[in-house]
Amino acid sequence: MLAVLTLASAFVFAPAAIVLGHLARRQIRQTGADGWALADWGLFLGYLGTIVGLLCCCGLLVVTIRSAGLGMP
């Protein structure tokens, strides 16, 4: 159940997918349930989404500083 929630949350809020993915993997390891691939894909997409989001925020910050004339020429 957590593995499906991990994959779904990767498309909505990536950092939540990271947390849920690790919880799902622990649950799968303890119970022997299915869903390892779903948890892995949710983790992968969660990390990817978080990294892309951070890069976009940093890029937006650089563009804002450069356009305001606060940075170096």
C-alpha atoms as a PDB file:
ATOM      1  CA  MET A   1       0.000   0.000   0.000  1.00  0.00           C
ATOM      2  CA  LEU A   2       2.786   2.433   0.865  1.00  0.00           C
ATOM      3  CA  ALA A   3       4.589   1.607  -2.369  1.00  0.00           C
ATOM      4  CA  VAL A   4       1.610   2.752  -4.439  1.00  0.00           C
ATOM      5  CA  LEU A   5       1.310   5.898  -2.342  1.00  0.00           C
ATOM      6  CA  THR A   6       5.027   6.541  -2.889  1.00  0.00           C
ATOM      7  CA  LEU A   7       4.697   6.400  -6.650  1.00  0.00           C
ATOM      8  CA  ALA A   8       1.588   8.586  -6.647  1.00  0.00           C
ATOM      9  CA  SER A   9       3.125  11.227  -4.389  1.00  0.00           C
ATOM     10  CA  ALA A  10       6.209  11.445  -6.621  1.00  0.00           C
ATOM     11  CA  PHE A  11       4.054  13.305  -9.134  1.00  0.00           C
ATOM     12  CA  VAL A  12       2.424  15.587  -6.543  1.00  0.00           C
ATOM     13  CA  PHE A  13       5.075  16.386  -3.916  1.00  0.00           C
ATOM     14  CA  ALA A  14       8.466  14.817  -4.535  1.00  0.00           C
ATOM     15  CA  PRO A  15       9.970  15.154  -1.024  1.00  0.00           C
ATOM     16  CA  ALA A  16       7.029  13.219   0.404  1.00  0.00           C
ATOM     17  CA  ALA A  17       7.772  10.418  -2.059  1.00  0.00           C
ATOM     18  CA  ILE A  18      11.279  10.139  -0.667  1.00  0.00           C
ATOM     19  CA  VAL A  19      10.033   9.689   2.888  1.00  0.00           C
ATOM     20  CA  LEU A  20       7.225   7.324   1.888  1.00  0.00           C
ATOM     21  CA  GLY A  21       9.560   5.334  -0.355  1.00  0.00           C
ATOM     22  CA  HIS A  22      11.957   4.588   2.459  1.00  0.00           C
ATOM     23  CA  LEU A  23       9.069   3.667   4.752  1.00  0.00           C
ATOM     24  CA  ALA A  24       7.607   1.401   2.057  1.00  0.00           C
ATOM     25  CA  ARG A  25      10.911  -0.373   1.496  1.00  0.00           C
ATOM     26  CA  ARG A  26      11.260  -1.017   5.222  1.00  0.00           C
ATOM     27  CA  GLN A  27       7.701  -2.355   5.381  1.00  0.00           C
ATOM     28  CA  ILE A  28       8.281  -4.596   2.352  1.00  0.00           C
ATOM     29  CA  ARG A  29      11.507  -5.920   3.858  1.00  0.00           C
ATOM     30  CA  GLN A  30       9.783  -6.740   7.172  1.00  0.00           C
ATOM     31  CA  THR A  31       6.580  -8.263   5.807  1.00  0.00           C
ATOM     32  CA  GLY A  32       7.835  -9.785   2.561  1.00  0.00           C
ATOM     33  CA  ALA A  33       5.019  -8.132   0.625  1.00  0.00           C
ATOM     34  CA  ASP A  34       5.125  -7.199  -3.045  1.00  0.00           C
ATOM     35  CA  GLY A  35       5.774  -3.698  -4.307  1.00  0.00           C
ATOM     36  CA  TRP A  36       9.542  -3.381  -4.255  1.00  0.00           C
ATOM     37  CA  ALA A  37       9.632  -2.040  -7.835  1.00  0.00           C
ATOM     38  CA  LEU A  38       6.914   0.534  -7.121  1.00  0.00           C
ATOM     39  CA  ALA A  39       8.793   1.777  -4.074  1.00  0.00           C
ATOM     40  CA  ASP A  40      12.039   1.988  -6.060  1.00  0.00           C
ATOM     41  CA  TRP A  41      10.416   3.937  -8.899  1.00  0.00           C
ATOM     42  CA  GLY A  42       8.725   6.242  -6.399  1.00  0.00           C
ATOM     43  CA  LEU A  43      12.063   6.883  -4.711  1.00  0.00           C
ATOM     44  CA  PHE A  44      13.799   7.494  -8.032  1.00  0.00           C
ATOM     45  CA  LEU A  45      11.140   9.926  -9.222  1.00  0.00           C
ATOM     46  CA  GLY A  46      11.027  11.599  -5.804  1.00  0.00           C
ATOM     47  CA  TYR A  47      14.768  12.237  -5.781  1.00  0.00           C
ATOM     48  CA  LEU A  48      14.704  13.334  -9.421  1.00  0.00           C
ATOM     49  CA  GLY A  49      11.805  15.720  -8.826  1.00  0.00           C
ATOM     50  CA  THR A  50      13.463  17.198  -5.757  1.00  0.00           C
ATOM     51  CA  ILE A  51      16.764  17.765  -7.570  1.00  0.00           C
ATOM     52  CA  VAL A  52      15.064  19.337 -10.589  1.00  0.00           C
ATOM     53  CA  GLY A  53      12.979  21.547  -8.309  1.00  0.00           C
ATOM     54  CA  LEU A  54      16.036  22.745  -6.413  1.00  0.00           C
ATOM     55  CA  LEU A  55      17.910  23.478  -9.642  1.00  0.00           C
ATOM     56  CA  CYS A  56      14.946  25.474 -10.953  1.00  0.00           C
ATOM     57  CA  CYS A  57      14.773  27.484  -7.732  1.00  0.00           C
ATOM     58  CA  CYS A  58      18.502  28.226  -7.877  1.00  0.00           C
ATOM     59  CA  GLY A  59      18.228  29.233 -11.526  1.00  0.00           C
ATOM     60  CA  LEU A  60      15.296  31.521 -10.773  1.00  0.00           C
ATOM     61  CA  LEU A  61      17.268  33.108  -7.943  1.00  0.00           C
ATOM     62  CA  VAL A  62      20.244  33.741 -10.243  1.00  0.00           C
ATOM     63  CA  VAL A  63      18.021  35.259 -12.936  1.00  0.00           C
ATOM     64  CA  THR A  64      16.293  37.488 -10.383  1.00  0.00           C
ATOM     65  CA  ILE A  65      19.565  38.743  -8.920  1.00  0.00           C
ATOM     66  CA  ARG A  66      21.072  39.379 -12.363  1.00  0.00           C
ATOM     67  CA  SER A  67      17.980  41.239 -13.599  1.00  0.00           C
ATOM     68  CA  ALA A  68      17.873  43.405 -10.480  1.00  0.00           C
ATOM     69  CA  GLY A  69      21.482  44.438 -11.056  1.00  0.00           C
ATOM     70  CA  LEU A  70      22.644  43.152  -7.692  1.00  0.00           C
ATOM     71  CA  GLY A  71      25.153  40.648  -9.033  1.00  0.00           C
ATOM     72  CA  MET A  72      28.487  41.121 -10.689  1.00  0.00           C
ATOM     73  CA  PRO A  73      28.369  42.442 -14.276  1.00  0.00           C
END
